[in-house]
C-alpha cells in the first residue's frame, strides 16, 4: 500500500543520509523505522499489562535489569570483535 507523507526538511534530509548509509531506499528506511517504533509500542504495552497484574518494578529490579543489559551488550561487542579476528 502506498501512502504520501510530509516530513520536516531537516528530518527528510537526515533520513536521506541515514538511508544512504544503510544502503536502503528512503521509503524502505522509513518503513523499517516505523516497524521498529511499532515493536517498541507493543513492548511497552506488554510491560504495562504485566505491571498492572504484578505491580511495578522496584528500583532494585530495574537496577538489576540494567546491569544485566550492560553485561549482555558488552558481551555482544566482545564476541563481534573475536569473530572478526578469525
N, C-alpha and C. Protein backbone atom coordinates (compact mmCIF):
# COMPACT_ATOMS: atom_id res chain seq x y z
N UNK A 1 0.84 -1.17 0.00
CA UNK A 1 0.00 0.00 0.00
C UNK A 1 0.90 1.24 0.00
N UNK A 2 0.60 2.15 -0.85
CA UNK A 2 1.38 3.39 -0.92
C UNK A 2 0.68 4.47 -0.13
N UNK A 3 1.48 5.29 0.53
CA UNK A 3 0.99 6.45 1.27
C UNK A 3 1.88 7.63 0.93
N UNK A 4 1.32 8.79 1.05
CA UNK A 4 2.10 10.00 0.87
C UNK A 4 2.23 10.66 2.25
N UNK A 5 3.45 11.04 2.60
CA UNK A 5 3.67 11.68 3.90
C UNK A 5 4.45 12.97 3.71
N UNK A 6 4.31 13.86 4.66
CA UNK A 6 5.09 15.09 4.67
C UNK A 6 6.05 15.04 5.84
N UNK A 7 7.29 15.44 5.58
CA UNK A 7 8.31 15.46 6.62
C UNK A 7 8.92 16.85 6.70
N UNK A 8 9.31 17.23 7.89
CA UNK A 8 10.09 18.44 8.10
C UNK A 8 11.36 18.32 7.25
N UNK A 9 11.82 19.40 6.66
CA UNK A 9 13.00 19.37 5.80
C UNK A 9 14.22 18.77 6.50
N UNK A 10 14.43 19.13 7.76
CA UNK A 10 15.59 18.59 8.50
C UNK A 10 15.47 17.09 8.69
N UNK A 11 14.26 16.63 9.00
CA UNK A 11 14.04 15.19 9.18
C UNK A 11 14.25 14.46 7.87
N UNK A 12 13.69 14.99 6.79
CA UNK A 12 13.83 14.36 5.48
C UNK A 12 15.30 14.27 5.07
N UNK A 13 16.07 15.32 5.33
CA UNK A 13 17.50 15.30 5.00
C UNK A 13 18.23 14.26 5.82
N UNK A 14 17.91 14.17 7.10
CA UNK A 14 18.56 13.19 7.97
C UNK A 14 18.20 11.77 7.55
N UNK A 15 16.95 11.54 7.17
CA UNK A 15 16.52 10.22 6.71
C UNK A 15 17.25 9.86 5.42
N UNK A 16 17.38 10.81 4.53
CA UNK A 16 18.08 10.54 3.27
C UNK A 16 19.52 10.10 3.52
N UNK A 17 20.20 10.80 4.41
CA UNK A 17 21.58 10.43 4.76
C UNK A 17 21.62 9.04 5.40
N UNK A 18 20.73 8.81 6.35
CA UNK A 18 20.70 7.51 7.04
C UNK A 18 20.40 6.38 6.06
N UNK A 19 19.46 6.60 5.15
CA UNK A 19 19.12 5.57 4.17
C UNK A 19 20.31 5.25 3.27
N UNK A 20 21.02 6.27 2.85
CA UNK A 20 22.22 6.05 2.03
C UNK A 20 23.27 5.27 2.81
N UNK A 21 23.49 5.66 4.07
CA UNK A 21 24.47 4.97 4.91
C UNK A 21 24.09 3.51 5.13
N UNK A 22 22.79 3.22 5.20
CA UNK A 22 22.31 1.86 5.44
C UNK A 22 22.04 1.11 4.14
N UNK A 23 22.37 1.75 3.02
CA UNK A 23 22.18 1.15 1.69
C UNK A 23 20.71 0.73 1.48
N UNK A 24 19.82 1.66 1.82
CA UNK A 24 18.39 1.42 1.70
C UNK A 24 17.75 2.56 0.92
N UNK A 25 16.55 2.32 0.42
CA UNK A 25 15.80 3.40 -0.19
C UNK A 25 15.24 4.29 0.93
N UNK A 26 14.87 5.48 0.56
CA UNK A 26 14.27 6.42 1.50
C UNK A 26 13.03 5.81 2.14
N UNK A 27 12.11 5.30 1.30
CA UNK A 27 10.88 4.74 1.84
C UNK A 27 11.12 3.43 2.59
N UNK A 28 12.11 2.65 2.16
CA UNK A 28 12.44 1.43 2.89
C UNK A 28 12.96 1.75 4.28
N UNK A 29 13.80 2.80 4.38
CA UNK A 29 14.33 3.20 5.68
C UNK A 29 13.19 3.67 6.59
N UNK A 30 12.28 4.48 6.03
CA UNK A 30 11.14 4.96 6.83
C UNK A 30 10.27 3.80 7.28
N UNK A 31 10.04 2.84 6.39
CA UNK A 31 9.23 1.68 6.75
C UNK A 31 9.88 0.88 7.87
N UNK A 32 11.19 0.66 7.79
CA UNK A 32 11.90 -0.08 8.84
C UNK A 32 11.84 0.68 10.17
N UNK A 33 11.98 2.00 10.11
CA UNK A 33 11.91 2.81 11.33
C UNK A 33 10.51 2.73 11.95
N UNK A 34 9.49 2.75 11.11
CA UNK A 34 8.11 2.63 11.61
C UNK A 34 7.89 1.26 12.25
N UNK A 35 8.42 0.20 11.62
CA UNK A 35 8.29 -1.14 12.19
C UNK A 35 8.94 -1.22 13.56
N UNK A 36 10.15 -0.64 13.70
CA UNK A 36 10.82 -0.64 15.00
C UNK A 36 9.99 0.09 16.04
N UNK A 37 9.45 1.23 15.68
CA UNK A 37 8.65 2.02 16.61
C UNK A 37 7.39 1.26 17.03
N UNK A 38 6.78 0.55 16.09
CA UNK A 38 5.59 -0.24 16.43
C UNK A 38 5.94 -1.38 17.38
N UNK A 39 7.11 -2.02 17.21
CA UNK A 39 7.54 -3.08 18.14
C UNK A 39 7.79 -2.50 19.52
N UNK A 40 8.36 -1.31 19.59
CA UNK A 40 8.60 -0.65 20.88
C UNK A 40 7.26 -0.39 21.57
N UNK A 41 6.31 0.14 20.83
CA UNK A 41 4.99 0.41 21.41
C UNK A 41 4.34 -0.87 21.92
N UNK A 42 4.45 -1.96 21.14
CA UNK A 42 3.88 -3.23 21.56
C UNK A 42 4.56 -3.72 22.84
N UNK A 43 5.88 -3.58 22.91
CA UNK A 43 6.61 -3.98 24.10
C UNK A 43 6.21 -3.17 25.31
N UNK A 44 6.06 -1.87 25.14
CA UNK A 44 5.64 -1.01 26.25
C UNK A 44 4.24 -1.38 26.74
N UNK A 45 3.37 -1.72 25.80
CA UNK A 45 2.02 -2.16 26.20
C UNK A 45 2.10 -3.47 26.99
N UNK A 46 2.98 -4.36 26.56
CA UNK A 46 3.16 -5.63 27.28
C UNK A 46 3.67 -5.41 28.69
N UNK A 47 4.62 -4.51 28.84
CA UNK A 47 5.15 -4.20 30.17
C UNK A 47 4.05 -3.60 31.04
N UNK A 48 3.28 -2.68 30.47
CA UNK A 48 2.19 -2.06 31.23
C UNK A 48 1.17 -3.11 31.66
N UNK A 49 0.85 -4.05 30.80
CA UNK A 49 -0.11 -5.11 31.15
C UNK A 49 0.47 -5.98 32.27
N UNK A 50 1.75 -6.33 32.15
CA UNK A 50 2.38 -7.15 33.19
C UNK A 50 2.39 -6.40 34.52
N UNK A 51 2.77 -5.11 34.47
CA UNK A 51 2.82 -4.32 35.71
C UNK A 51 1.44 -4.17 36.33
N UNK A 52 0.39 -4.12 35.52
CA UNK A 52 -0.96 -3.99 36.09
C UNK A 52 -1.35 -5.24 36.87
N UNK A 53 -0.77 -6.39 36.51
CA UNK A 53 -1.05 -7.63 37.23
C UNK A 53 -0.06 -7.87 38.37
N UNK A 54 1.22 -7.60 38.12
CA UNK A 54 2.27 -7.97 39.07
C UNK A 54 2.76 -6.79 39.90
N UNK A 55 2.37 -5.59 39.55
CA UNK A 55 2.88 -4.41 40.23
C UNK A 55 4.12 -3.90 39.53
N UNK A 56 4.46 -2.65 39.79
CA UNK A 56 5.62 -2.04 39.16
C UNK A 56 6.93 -2.66 39.64
N UNK A 57 7.95 -2.52 38.83
CA UNK A 57 9.27 -2.99 39.21
C UNK A 57 9.84 -2.11 40.31
N UNK A 58 10.58 -2.74 41.20
CA UNK A 58 11.25 -1.97 42.26
C UNK A 58 12.51 -1.34 41.69
N UNK A 59 13.07 -0.38 42.41
CA UNK A 59 14.33 0.23 41.99
C UNK A 59 15.43 -0.82 41.87
N UNK A 60 15.42 -1.78 42.78
CA UNK A 60 16.43 -2.84 42.75
C UNK A 60 16.28 -3.72 41.52
N UNK A 61 15.04 -4.06 41.16
CA UNK A 61 14.80 -4.87 39.97
C UNK A 61 15.21 -4.13 38.70
N UNK A 62 14.93 -2.86 38.65
CA UNK A 62 15.33 -2.05 37.49
C UNK A 62 16.85 -2.00 37.39
N UNK A 63 17.52 -1.78 38.50
CA UNK A 63 18.99 -1.73 38.51
C UNK A 63 19.57 -3.08 38.08
N UNK A 64 19.00 -4.17 38.55
CA UNK A 64 19.48 -5.50 38.15
C UNK A 64 19.29 -5.72 36.66
N UNK A 65 18.16 -5.31 36.13
CA UNK A 65 17.91 -5.43 34.69
C UNK A 65 18.87 -4.60 33.87
N UNK A 66 19.14 -3.38 34.32
CA UNK A 66 20.08 -2.52 33.60
C UNK A 66 21.49 -3.10 33.64
N UNK A 67 21.88 -3.68 34.77
CA UNK A 67 23.20 -4.31 34.89
C UNK A 67 23.30 -5.51 33.96
N UNK A 68 22.25 -6.32 33.90
CA UNK A 68 22.25 -7.47 33.01
C UNK A 68 22.34 -7.03 31.56
N UNK A 69 21.59 -6.02 31.19
CA UNK A 69 21.64 -5.50 29.83
C UNK A 69 23.04 -5.01 29.48
N UNK A 70 23.67 -4.29 30.40
CA UNK A 70 25.03 -3.80 30.15
C UNK A 70 26.00 -4.96 29.94
N UNK A 71 25.86 -6.01 30.76
CA UNK A 71 26.73 -7.19 30.59
C UNK A 71 26.47 -7.87 29.25
N UNK A 72 25.21 -8.01 28.88
CA UNK A 72 24.89 -8.66 27.61
C UNK A 72 25.40 -7.85 26.43
N UNK A 73 25.22 -6.54 26.49
CA UNK A 73 25.70 -5.69 25.39
C UNK A 73 27.21 -5.69 25.29
N UNK A 74 27.90 -5.72 26.41
CA UNK A 74 29.36 -5.75 26.35
C UNK A 74 29.84 -7.10 25.82
N UNK A 75 29.12 -8.17 26.11
CA UNK A 75 29.46 -9.49 25.59
C UNK A 75 29.25 -9.58 24.10
N UNK A 76 28.22 -8.92 23.59
CA UNK A 76 27.94 -8.94 22.16
C UNK A 76 29.05 -8.26 21.41
N UNK A 77 29.46 -7.08 21.87
CA UNK A 77 30.53 -6.37 21.16
C UNK A 77 31.84 -7.12 21.28
N UNK A 78 32.06 -7.75 22.43
CA UNK A 78 33.27 -8.54 22.59
C UNK A 78 33.28 -9.74 21.67
N UNK A 79 32.12 -10.38 21.50
CA UNK A 79 32.04 -11.54 20.62
C UNK A 79 32.26 -11.10 19.18
N UNK A 80 31.70 -9.96 18.79
CA UNK A 80 31.88 -9.48 17.41
C UNK A 80 33.33 -9.24 17.10
N UNK A 81 34.08 -8.70 18.05
CA UNK A 81 35.49 -8.45 17.79
C UNK A 81 36.27 -9.76 17.70
N UNK A 82 35.87 -10.78 18.47
CA UNK A 82 36.54 -12.09 18.39
C UNK A 82 36.25 -12.74 17.06
N UNK A 83 35.03 -12.62 16.56
CA UNK A 83 34.66 -13.23 15.29
C UNK A 83 35.45 -12.58 14.16
N UNK A 84 35.61 -11.27 14.19
CA UNK A 84 36.33 -10.57 13.13
C UNK A 84 37.79 -10.96 13.06
N UNK A 85 38.38 -11.37 14.17
CA UNK A 85 39.82 -11.70 14.20
C UNK A 85 40.11 -13.04 13.53
N UNK A 86 39.13 -13.86 13.35
CA UNK A 86 39.35 -15.20 12.78
C UNK A 86 39.83 -15.16 11.37
